[in-house]
C-alpha atoms as a PDB file:
ATOM      1  CA  UNK A   1     104.156 168.935 118.843  1.00  0.00           C
ATOM      2  CA  UNK A   2     105.951 165.602 118.776  1.00  0.00           C
ATOM      3  CA  UNK A   3     103.583 162.620 118.681  1.00  0.00           C
ATOM      4  CA  UNK A   4     104.104 159.796 121.147  1.00  0.00           C
ATOM      5  CA  UNK A   5     104.475 156.440 119.413  1.00  0.00           C
ATOM      6  CA  UNK A   6     101.920 153.894 120.567  1.00  0.00           C
ATOM      7  CA  UNK A   7     102.761 150.198 120.920  1.00  0.00           C
ATOM      8  CA  UNK A   8      99.565 148.927 119.355  1.00  0.00           C
ATOM      9  CA  UNK A   9     100.683 145.300 119.524  1.00  0.00           C
ATOM     10  CA  UNK A  10     100.935 145.500 123.330  1.00  0.00           C
ATOM     11  CA  UNK A  11      97.585 147.288 123.450  1.00  0.00           C
ATOM     12  CA  UNK A  12      95.937 144.525 121.430  1.00  0.00           C
ATOM     13  CA  UNK A  13      97.464 141.778 123.559  1.00  0.00           C
ATOM     14  CA  UNK A  14      96.365 143.568 126.732  1.00  0.00           C
ATOM     15  CA  UNK A  15      92.849 144.169 125.402  1.00  0.00           C
ATOM     16  CA  UNK A  16      92.455 140.495 124.478  1.00  0.00           C
ATOM     17  CA  UNK A  17      93.668 139.472 127.937  1.00  0.00           C
ATOM     18  CA  UNK A  18      91.096 141.785 129.534  1.00  0.00           C
ATOM     19  CA  UNK A  19      88.402 140.311 127.304  1.00  0.00           C
ATOM     20  CA  UNK A  20      89.470 136.763 128.204  1.00  0.00           C
ATOM     21  CA  UNK A  21      89.770 137.276 131.986  1.00  0.00           C
ATOM     22  CA  UNK A  22      86.743 139.567 132.205  1.00  0.00           C
ATOM     23  CA  UNK A  23      88.428 142.078 134.532  1.00  0.00           C
ATOM     24  CA  UNK A  24      91.205 144.637 134.653  1.00  0.00           C
ATOM     25  CA  UNK A  25      92.698 143.089 137.783  1.00  0.00           C
ATOM     26  CA  UNK A  26      92.674 139.603 136.244  1.00  0.00           C
ATOM     27  CA  UNK A  27      94.411 140.857 133.126  1.00  0.00           C
ATOM     28  CA  UNK A  28      96.939 142.748 135.278  1.00  0.00           C
ATOM     29  CA  UNK A  29      97.802 139.564 137.200  1.00  0.00           C
ATOM     30  CA  UNK A  30      98.180 137.593 133.966  1.00  0.00           C
ATOM     31  CA  UNK A  31     100.386 140.219 132.345  1.00  0.00           C
ATOM     32  CA  UNK A  32     102.372 141.215 135.432  1.00  0.00           C
ATOM     33  CA  UNK A  33     101.096 144.830 135.312  1.00  0.00           C
ATOM     34  CA  UNK A  34      99.236 147.033 137.739  1.00  0.00           C
ATOM     35  CA  UNK A  35      95.450 147.385 137.330  1.00  0.00           C
ATOM     36  CA  UNK A  36      95.898 151.130 136.857  1.00  0.00           C
ATOM     37  CA  UNK A  37      98.338 150.550 133.967  1.00  0.00           C
ATOM     38  CA  UNK A  38      95.854 148.223 132.285  1.00  0.00           C
ATOM     39  CA  UNK A  39      93.019 150.701 132.854  1.00  0.00           C
ATOM     40  CA  UNK A  40      95.011 153.580 131.327  1.00  0.00           C
ATOM     41  CA  UNK A  41      95.775 151.420 128.283  1.00  0.00           C
ATOM     42  CA  UNK A  42      92.095 150.567 127.748  1.00  0.00           C
ATOM     43  CA  UNK A  43      91.143 154.232 128.104  1.00  0.00           C
ATOM     44  CA  UNK A  44      93.820 155.214 125.594  1.00  0.00           C
ATOM     45  CA  UNK A  45      92.496 152.753 123.012  1.00  0.00           C
ATOM     46  CA  UNK A  46      88.914 153.933 123.427  1.00  0.00           C
ATOM     47  CA  UNK A  47      89.942 157.596 123.230  1.00  0.00           C
ATOM     48  CA  UNK A  48      91.932 157.022 120.057  1.00  0.00           C
ATOM     49  CA  UNK A  49      89.113 155.094 118.390  1.00  0.00           C
ATOM     50  CA  UNK A  50      86.370 157.358 119.717  1.00  0.00           C
ATOM     51  CA  UNK A  51      84.116 154.462 120.757  1.00  0.00           C
ATOM     52  CA  UNK A  52      83.402 152.488 123.903  1.00  0.00           C
ATOM     53  CA  UNK A  53      84.933 148.993 123.745  1.00  0.00           C
ATOM     54  CA  UNK A  54      84.262 147.850 127.308  1.00  0.00           C
ATOM     55  CA  UNK A  55      81.284 148.114 129.600  1.00  0.00           C
ATOM     56  CA  UNK A  56      82.223 147.945 133.279  1.00  0.00           C
ATOM     57  CA  UNK A  57      79.836 146.454 135.821  1.00  0.00           C
ATOM     58  CA  UNK A  58      80.404 145.856 139.516  1.00  0.00           C
ATOM     59  CA  UNK A  59      81.455 142.279 138.882  1.00  0.00           C
ATOM     60  CA  UNK A  60      82.686 141.934 135.309  1.00  0.00           C
ATOM     61  CA  UNK A  61      83.634 143.660 132.080  1.00  0.00           C
ATOM     62  CA  UNK A  62      81.665 143.126 128.886  1.00  0.00           C
ATOM     63  CA  UNK A  63      82.581 143.883 125.289  1.00  0.00           C
ATOM     64  CA  UNK A  64      80.429 146.216 123.250  1.00  0.00           C
ATOM     65  CA  UNK A  65      79.735 145.341 119.617  1.00  0.00           C
ATOM     66  CA  UNK A  66      82.669 147.601 118.695  1.00  0.00           C
ATOM     67  CA  UNK A  67      84.740 145.777 121.295  1.00  0.00           C
ATOM     68  CA  UNK A  68      83.855 142.436 119.723  1.00  0.00           C
ATOM     69  CA  UNK A  69      84.947 143.746 116.309  1.00  0.00           C
ATOM     70  CA  UNK A  70      88.195 145.105 117.741  1.00  0.00           C
ATOM     71  CA  UNK A  71      88.902 141.784 119.498  1.00  0.00           C
ATOM     72  CA  UNK A  72      88.303 139.833 116.289  1.00  0.00           C
ATOM     73  CA  UNK A  73      90.642 142.117 114.319  1.00  0.00           C
ATOM     74  CA  UNK A  74      93.270 142.057 117.083  1.00  0.00           C
ATOM     75  CA  UNK A  75      93.345 138.242 117.123  1.00  0.00           C
ATOM     76  CA  UNK A  76      93.749 138.124 113.357  1.00  0.00           C
ATOM     77  CA  UNK A  77      96.499 140.765 113.311  1.00  0.00           C
ATOM     78  CA  UNK A  78      98.465 139.150 116.137  1.00  0.00           C
ATOM     79  CA  UNK A  79      98.144 135.726 114.524  1.00  0.00           C
ATOM     80  CA  UNK A  80      99.374 137.082 111.176  1.00  0.00           C
ATOM     81  CA  UNK A  81     102.284 138.768 112.926  1.00  0.00           C
ATOM     82  CA  UNK A  82     103.197 135.558 114.747  1.00  0.00           C
ATOM     83  CA  UNK A  83     103.082 133.541 111.525  1.00  0.00           C
ATOM     84  CA  UNK A  84     105.168 136.126 109.692  1.00  0.00           C
ATOM     85  CA  UNK A  85     107.828 136.141 112.398  1.00  0.00           C
ATOM     86  CA  UNK A  86     107.875 132.351 112.474  1.00  0.00           C
ATOM     87  CA  UNK A  87     108.241 132.185 108.689  1.00  0.00           C
ATOM     88  CA  UNK A  88     111.107 134.685 108.657  1.00  0.00           C
ATOM     89  CA  UNK A  89     112.869 132.912 111.524  1.00  0.00           C
ATOM     90  CA  UNK A  90     112.292 129.570 109.804  1.00  0.00           C
ATOM     91  CA  UNK A  91     113.925 130.846 106.618  1.00  0.00           C
ATOM     92  CA  UNK A  92     116.984 131.901 108.538  1.00  0.00           C
ATOM     93  CA  UNK A  93     117.270 128.525 110.246  1.00  0.00           C
ATOM     94  CA  UNK A  94     114.766 125.981 108.849  1.00  0.00           C
ATOM     95  CA  UNK A  95     113.559 123.459 111.391  1.00  0.00           C
ATOM     96  CA  UNK A  96     110.905 120.810 111.923  1.00  0.00           C
ATOM     97  CA  UNK A  97     109.938 117.435 110.479  1.00  0.00           C
ATOM     98  CA  UNK A  98     109.867 116.585 106.767  1.00  0.00           C
ATOM     99  CA  UNK A  99     107.955 113.478 105.681  1.00  0.00           C
ATOM    100  CA  UNK A 100     109.377 112.045 102.462  1.00  0.00           C
ATOM    101  CA  UNK A 101     107.890 109.266 100.340  1.00  0.00           C
ATOM    102  CA  UNK A 102     109.776 107.409  97.628  1.00  0.00           C
ATOM    103  CA  UNK A 103     109.908 104.050  95.906  1.00  0.00           C
ATOM    104  CA  UNK A 104     111.880 101.292  97.619  1.00  0.00           C
ATOM    105  CA  UNK A 105     114.739 100.954  95.164  1.00  0.00           C
ATOM    106  CA  UNK A 106     115.078 104.671  94.525  1.00  0.00           C
ATOM    107  CA  UNK A 107     115.291 105.279  98.261  1.00  0.00           C
ATOM    108  CA  UNK A 108     118.150 102.817  98.738  1.00  0.00           C
ATOM    109  CA  UNK A 109     120.094 103.603  95.590  1.00  0.00           C
ATOM    110  CA  UNK A 110     119.631 107.355  95.243  1.00  0.00           C
ATOM    111  CA  UNK A 111     118.018 109.055  98.230  1.00  0.00           C
ATOM    112  CA  UNK A 112     119.813 107.509 101.204  1.00  0.00           C
ATOM    113  CA  UNK A 113     123.273 108.721 100.117  1.00  0.00           C
ATOM    114  CA  UNK A 114     121.907 112.308 100.080  1.00  0.00           C
ATOM    115  CA  UNK A 115     120.320 112.511 103.532  1.00  0.00           C
ATOM    116  CA  UNK A 116     123.546 112.778 105.538  1.00  0.00           C
ATOM    117  CA  UNK A 117     124.811 115.943 103.842  1.00  0.00           C
ATOM    118  CA  UNK A 118     121.380 117.570 103.961  1.00  0.00           C
ATOM    119  CA  UNK A 119     120.994 116.948 107.707  1.00  0.00           C
ATOM    120  CA  UNK A 120     124.496 118.278 108.310  1.00  0.00           C
ATOM    121  CA  UNK A 121     123.569 121.408 106.347  1.00  0.00           C
ATOM    122  CA  UNK A 122     120.280 121.849 108.257  1.00  0.00           C
ATOM    123  CA  UNK A 123     120.771 120.359 111.741  1.00  0.00           C
ATOM    124  CA  UNK A 124     117.384 121.567 113.042  1.00  0.00           C
ATOM    125  CA  UNK A 125     115.463 119.527 110.462  1.00  0.00           C
ATOM    126  CA  UNK A 126     114.354 115.929 110.974  1.00  0.00           C
ATOM    127  CA  UNK A 127     113.332 113.541 108.188  1.00  0.00           C
ATOM    128  CA  UNK A 128     110.769 110.753 108.311  1.00  0.00           C
ATOM    129  CA  UNK A 129     111.131 108.428 105.332  1.00  0.00           C
ATOM    130  CA  UNK A 130     108.207 106.413 103.983  1.00  0.00           C
ATOM    131  CA  UNK A 131     109.527 103.743 101.629  1.00  0.00           C
ATOM    132  CA  UNK A 132     106.855 102.147  99.487  1.00  0.00           C
ATOM    133  CA  UNK A 133     106.118 101.357  95.859  1.00  0.00           C
ATOM    134  CA  UNK A 134     102.557 102.621  96.433  1.00  0.00           C
ATOM    135  CA  UNK A 135     101.776 106.251  95.575  1.00  0.00           C
ATOM    136  CA  UNK A 136     101.345 108.280  98.767  1.00  0.00           C
ATOM    137  CA  UNK A 137      98.839 111.101  99.027  1.00  0.00           C
ATOM    138  CA  UNK A 138     100.576 114.460  99.259  1.00  0.00           C
ATOM    139  CA  UNK A 139      97.399 116.546  99.005  1.00  0.00           C
ATOM    140  CA  UNK A 140      96.057 115.407 102.385  1.00  0.00           C
ATOM    141  CA  UNK A 141      99.165 116.665 104.182  1.00  0.00           C
ATOM    142  CA  UNK A 142     100.361 113.227 105.301  1.00  0.00           C
ATOM    143  CA  UNK A 143     103.481 113.512 103.120  1.00  0.00           C
ATOM    144  CA  UNK A 144     105.510 116.697 102.593  1.00  0.00           C
ATOM    145  CA  UNK A 145     107.539 115.580  99.559  1.00  0.00           C
ATOM    146  CA  UNK A 146     106.964 112.574  97.291  1.00  0.00           C
ATOM    147  CA  UNK A 147     109.326 111.394  94.562  1.00  0.00           C
ATOM    148  CA  UNK A 148     107.256 110.441  91.523  1.00  0.00           C
ATOM    149  CA  UNK A 149     108.203 108.761  88.240  1.00  0.00           C
ATOM    150  CA  UNK A 150     106.560 109.313  84.881  1.00  0.00           C
ATOM    151  CA  UNK A 151     103.683 111.606  83.847  1.00  0.00           C
ATOM    152  CA  UNK A 152     101.946 113.450  86.677  1.00  0.00           C
ATOM    153  CA  UNK A 153      98.151 113.673  86.943  1.00  0.00           C
ATOM    154  CA  UNK A 154      96.521 117.095  86.987  1.00  0.00           C
ATOM    155  CA  UNK A 155      96.349 118.458  90.529  1.00  0.00           C
ATOM    156  CA  UNK A 156      96.878 121.554  92.659  1.00  0.00           C
ATOM    157  CA  UNK A 157     100.242 120.228  93.805  1.00  0.00           C
ATOM    158  CA  UNK A 158     103.596 121.712  92.828  1.00  0.00           C
ATOM    159  CA  UNK A 159     106.278 119.633  91.077  1.00  0.00           C
ATOM    160  CA  UNK A 160     110.002 120.224  90.567  1.00  0.00           C
ATOM    161  CA  UNK A 161     111.872 118.213  87.972  1.00  0.00           C
ATOM    162  CA  UNK A 162     114.767 116.246  89.471  1.00  0.00           C
ATOM    163  CA  UNK A 163     115.945 114.457  86.355  1.00  0.00           C
ATOM    164  CA  UNK A 164     115.039 111.540  84.163  1.00  0.00           C
ATOM    165  CA  UNK A 165     115.967 107.927  83.798  1.00  0.00           C
ATOM    166  CA  UNK A 166     116.184 105.780  80.682  1.00  0.00           C
ATOM    167  CA  UNK A 167     115.665 102.014  80.537  1.00  0.00           C
ATOM    168  CA  UNK A 168     117.964  99.233  79.439  1.00  0.00           C
ATOM    169  CA  UNK A 169     117.541  95.542  78.636  1.00  0.00           C
ATOM    170  CA  UNK A 170     120.048  93.581  80.755  1.00  0.00           C
ATOM    171  CA  UNK A 171     121.096  90.083  81.734  1.00  0.00           C
ATOM    172  CA  UNK A 172     123.884  88.475  83.738  1.00  0.00           C
ATOM    173  CA  UNK A 173     127.007  87.112  82.005  1.00  0.00           C
ATOM    174  CA  UNK A 174     126.247  83.634  83.387  1.00  0.00           C
ATOM    175  CA  UNK A 175     122.722  83.615  81.944  1.00  0.00           C
ATOM    176  CA  UNK A 176     123.977  84.746  78.542  1.00  0.00           C
ATOM    177  CA  UNK A 177     126.697  82.079  78.605  1.00  0.00           C
ATOM    178  CA  UNK A 178     123.988  79.458  79.093  1.00  0.00           C
ATOM    179  CA  UNK A 179     121.163  80.832  76.928  1.00  0.00           C
ATOM    180  CA  UNK A 180     123.044  82.789  74.265  1.00  0.00           C
ATOM    181  CA  UNK A 181     122.857  86.477  73.345  1.00  0.00           C
ATOM    182  CA  UNK A 182     119.844  87.959  71.524  1.00  0.00           C
ATOM    183  CA  UNK A 183     120.910  89.852  68.421  1.00  0.00           C
ATOM    184  CA  UNK A 184     117.544  91.459  67.585  1.00  0.00           C
ATOM    185  CA  UNK A 185     114.404  92.116  69.627  1.00  0.00           C
ATOM    186  CA  UNK A 186     112.646  89.275  67.800  1.00  0.00           C
ATOM    187  CA  UNK A 187     115.173  86.859  69.329  1.00  0.00           C
ATOM    188  CA  UNK A 188     113.662  87.542  72.795  1.00  0.00           C
ATOM    189  CA  UNK A 189     110.947  84.988  72.081  1.00  0.00           C
ATOM    190  CA  UNK A 190     113.589  82.361  72.803  1.00  0.00           C
ATOM    191  CA  UNK A 191     114.543  83.880  76.185  1.00  0.00           C
ATOM    192  CA  UNK A 192     113.006  84.089  79.648  1.00  0.00           C
ATOM    193  CA  UNK A 193     111.968  87.756  79.949  1.00  0.00           C
ATOM    194  CA  UNK A 194     111.142  88.993  83.433  1.00  0.00           C
ATOM    195  CA  UNK A 195     108.761  91.954  83.515  1.00  0.00           C
ATOM    196  CA  UNK A 196     106.850  94.196  85.895  1.00  0.00           C
ATOM    197  CA  UNK A 197     103.568  92.759  87.140  1.00  0.00           C
ATOM    198  CA  UNK A 198     101.533  95.985  86.995  1.00  0.00           C
ATOM    199  CA  UNK A 199      99.355  96.562  83.968  1.00  0.00           C
ATOM    200  CA  UNK A 200     100.526  98.814  81.166  1.00  0.00           C
ATOM    201  CA  UNK A 201      98.533 100.469  78.403  1.00  0.00           C
ATOM    202  CA  UNK A 202     100.679  98.548  75.904  1.00  0.00           C
ATOM    203  CA  UNK A 203     102.081  95.339  77.401  1.00  0.00           C
ATOM    204  CA  UNK A 204     105.568  94.476  76.260  1.00  0.00           C
ATOM    205  CA  UNK A 205     108.891  96.246  75.768  1.00  0.00           C
ATOM    206  CA  UNK A 206     109.429  99.176  73.361  1.00  0.00           C
ATOM    207  CA  UNK A 207     112.078  99.023  70.673  1.00  0.00           C
ATOM    208  CA  UNK A 208     113.107 101.092  67.669  1.00  0.00           C
ATOM    209  CA  UNK A 209     113.952  99.374  64.395  1.00  0.00           C
ATOM    210  CA  UNK A 210     114.287 100.742  60.869  1.00  0.00           C
ATOM    211  CA  UNK A 211     113.328 104.207  62.136  1.00  0.00           C
ATOM    212  CA  UNK A 212     110.075 103.084  63.736  1.00  0.00           C
ATOM    213  CA  UNK A 213     109.080 102.482  67.367  1.00  0.00           C
ATOM    214  CA  UNK A 214     107.000  99.465  68.315  1.00  0.00           C
ATOM    215  CA  UNK A 215     106.015  97.381  71.340  1.00  0.00           C
ATOM    216  CA  UNK A 216     107.263  93.790  71.394  1.00  0.00           C
ATOM    217  CA  UNK A 217     105.254  91.325  73.497  1.00  0.00           C
ATOM    218  CA  UNK A 218     107.564  89.383  75.794  1.00  0.00           C
ATOM    219  CA  UNK A 219     107.139  86.192  77.807  1.00  0.00           C
ATOM    220  CA  UNK A 220     108.691  84.805  80.971  1.00  0.00           C
ATOM    221  CA  UNK A 221     108.009  82.745  84.061  1.00  0.00           C
ATOM    222  CA  UNK A 222     108.376  85.494  86.713  1.00  0.00           C
ATOM    223  CA  UNK A 223     107.089  89.031  87.256  1.00  0.00           C
ATOM    224  CA  UNK A 224     107.393  91.552  90.080  1.00  0.00           C
ATOM    225  CA  UNK A 225     105.955  94.928  91.044  1.00  0.00           C
ATOM    226  CA  UNK A 226     109.432  96.052  92.147  1.00  0.00           C
ATOM    227  CA  UNK A 227     112.348  96.919  89.851  1.00  0.00           C
ATOM    228  CA  UNK A 228     114.987  96.045  92.422  1.00  0.00           C
ATOM    229  CA  UNK A 229     113.525  92.551  92.716  1.00  0.00           C
ATOM    230  CA  UNK A 230     113.690  92.109  88.935  1.00  0.00           C
ATOM    231  CA  UNK A 231     117.368  93.104  89.026  1.00  0.00           C
ATOM    232  CA  UNK A 232     118.074  90.577  91.779  1.00  0.00           C
ATOM    233  CA  UNK A 233     116.298  87.845  89.791  1.00  0.00           C
ATOM    234  CA  UNK A 234     118.366  88.646  86.719  1.00  0.00           C
ATOM    235  CA  UNK A 235     121.568  88.675  88.749  1.00  0.00           C
ATOM    236  CA  UNK A 236     120.543  85.213  89.961  1.00  0.00           C
ATOM    237  CA  UNK A 237     120.795  84.086  86.289  1.00  0.00           C
ATOM    238  CA  UNK A 238     117.055  83.526  85.870  1.00  0.00           C
ATOM    239  CA  UNK A 239     116.459  85.621  82.743  1.00  0.00           C
ATOM    240  CA  UNK A 240     116.477  89.022  81.034  1.00  0.00           C
ATOM    241  CA  UNK A 241     114.739  92.187  82.188  1.00  0.00           C
ATOM    242  CA  UNK A 242     114.247  95.839  81.211  1.00  0.00           C
ATOM    243  CA  UNK A 243     114.400  98.350  84.063  1.00  0.00           C
ATOM    244  CA  UNK A 244     115.234 101.969  84.852  1.00  0.00           C
ATOM    245  CA  UNK A 245     118.908 102.811  84.634  1.00  0.00           C
ATOM    246  CA  UNK A 246     119.135 103.968  88.233  1.00  0.00           C
ATOM    247  CA  UNK A 247     118.448 100.337  89.245  1.00  0.00           C
ATOM    248  CA  UNK A 248     121.420  98.972  87.320  1.00  0.00           C
ATOM    249  CA  UNK A 249     123.996 101.751  87.103  1.00  0.00           C
ATOM    250  CA  UNK A 250     126.451 100.162  89.543  1.00  0.00           C
ATOM    251  CA  UNK A 251     125.840  96.614  88.279  1.00  0.00           C
ATOM    252  CA  UNK A 252     126.649  97.707  84.728  1.00  0.00           C
ATOM    253  CA  UNK A 253     129.801  99.498  85.848  1.00  0.00           C
ATOM    254  CA  UNK A 254     130.970  96.426  87.795  1.00  0.00           C
ATOM    255  CA  UNK A 255     130.155  93.983  84.983  1.00  0.00           C
ATOM    256  CA  UNK A 256     127.569  92.087  87.032  1.00  0.00           C
ATOM    257  CA  UNK A 257     125.036  92.888  84.322  1.00  0.00           C
ATOM    258  CA  UNK A 258     125.429  93.288  80.572  1.00  0.00           C
ATOM    259  CA  UNK A 259     123.347  95.681  78.402  1.00  0.00           C
ATOM    260  CA  UNK A 260     121.537  94.071  75.483  1.00  0.00           C
ATOM    261  CA  UNK A 261     120.004  95.268  72.208  1.00  0.00           C
ATOM    262  CA  UNK A 262     121.291  98.829  72.633  1.00  0.00           C
ATOM    263  CA  UNK A 263     121.080  99.446  68.882  1.00  0.00           C
ATOM    264  CA  UNK A 264     117.318  98.961  69.225  1.00  0.00           C
ATOM    265  CA  UNK A 265     116.850 101.024  72.407  1.00  0.00           C
ATOM    266  CA  UNK A 266     114.162 103.675  71.705  1.00  0.00           C
ATOM    267  CA  UNK A 267     115.795 105.891  74.359  1.00  0.00           C
ATOM    268  CA  UNK A 268     112.469 106.485  76.078  1.00  0.00           C
ATOM    269  CA  UNK A 269     112.803 108.511  79.253  1.00  0.00           C
ATOM    270  CA  UNK A 270     110.861 108.580  82.502  1.00  0.00           C
ATOM    271  CA  UNK A 271     110.898 111.976  84.207  1.00  0.00           C
ATOM    272  CA  UNK A 272     111.469 112.131  87.964  1.00  0.00           C
ATOM    273  CA  UNK A 273     109.705 114.839  90.003  1.00  0.00           C
ATOM    274  CA  UNK A 274     109.557 116.002  93.594  1.00  0.00           C
ATOM    275  CA  UNK A 275     105.868 116.652  94.328  1.00  0.00           C
ATOM    276  CA  UNK A 276     104.734 118.836  97.239  1.00  0.00           C
ATOM    277  CA  UNK A 277     102.228 121.458  98.365  1.00  0.00           C
ATOM    278  CA  UNK A 278     103.631 124.786  97.205  1.00  0.00           C
ATOM    279  CA  UNK A 279     102.412 128.338  97.544  1.00  0.00           C
ATOM    280  CA  UNK A 280     103.304 131.281  99.750  1.00  0.00           C
ATOM    281  CA  UNK A 281     102.789 129.299 102.939  1.00  0.00           C
ATOM    282  CA  UNK A 282     105.156 126.511 101.921  1.00  0.00           C
ATOM    283  CA  UNK A 283     107.321 125.731 104.993  1.00  0.00           C
ATOM    284  CA  UNK A 284     110.966 126.720 104.664  1.00  0.00           C
ATOM    285  CA  UNK A 285     112.073 123.210 105.657  1.00  0.00           C
ATOM    286  CA  UNK A 286     110.256 121.796 102.609  1.00  0.00           C
ATOM    287  CA  UNK A 287     111.588 124.514 100.323  1.00  0.00           C
ATOM    288  CA  UNK A 288     115.231 123.955 101.271  1.00  0.00           C
ATOM    289  CA  UNK A 289     114.816 120.170 100.981  1.00  0.00           C
ATOM    290  CA  UNK A 290     113.384 120.393  97.464  1.00  0.00           C
ATOM    291  CA  UNK A 291     116.072 122.908  96.477  1.00  0.00           C
ATOM    292  CA  UNK A 292     118.697 120.496  97.787  1.00  0.00           C
ATOM    293  CA  UNK A 293     117.258 117.608  95.762  1.00  0.00           C
ATOM    294  CA  UNK A 294     117.277 119.732  92.614  1.00  0.00           C
ATOM    295  CA  UNK A 295     120.877 120.723  93.324  1.00  0.00           C
ATOM    296  CA  UNK A 296     122.051 117.148  93.819  1.00  0.00           C
ATOM    297  CA  UNK A 297     119.803 115.109  91.551  1.00  0.00           C
ATOM    298  CA  UNK A 298     119.238 117.080  88.339  1.00  0.00           C
ATOM    299  CA  UNK A 299     120.948 114.591  86.070  1.00  0.00           C
ATOM    300  CA  UNK A 300     120.332 111.748  83.658  1.00  0.00           C
ATOM    301  CA  UNK A 301     120.626 108.047  84.468  1.00  0.00           C
END
């Protein structure tokens, strides 16, 4: 004998509506069914399970302990099904808001040129950009993707490598015409060296000479916590600085800045990562954004 297929999802939804409204007629009105259709469905569930799920009184329906268990399982199953469908649909056409955090200079010089193509590729996604040189907290869910430089602390977050940037000592042609050109790192003691204001484990600039790396203390009359500001100060002919190559790539190409002491450059690199909350429940909009960054940004500066 051919078995009749049962739509258990509809049964669960109907049962939960009965439990919520407290009556067959109330559930029927909510669902647009007849009370008899709802009653037959409840009877069918109870017959299949072999237990009583509902107790009918003259005024209201009550759930038995088995009914409470069935309602709890039904809510969980329907919620899982809804989330699964949403995830699959989201993969097909990612949508929603992505909150991105990145350093000020990196946002202007590297990230902004990428947003237009990404949004054209995924028109249902919106991006909120947080530009700050402070490290934003990804773990608390406030930020979806943060661009981080250098070593990453141990955490439960996921990181994808986007590339790396070296550093170069630079000055403007006008400053060098006035102050001269340093030939060795030791010559920097005679120049105004502009450095970052945040504390380092070893203050100074690294160099490599005679096969050995060392840190050279430097001195100057200005500091800043922002690499782009240091570049602007140097382009204003105030002194010499050492910054990440992404800050100065265009200025070097145009001749606005001149690289110095390249024979002594230790070629130290700072790795760039996209940091985010990964795992199986990672939203598709975040996944495609990180994949896009890897596609466009995996390079060396």
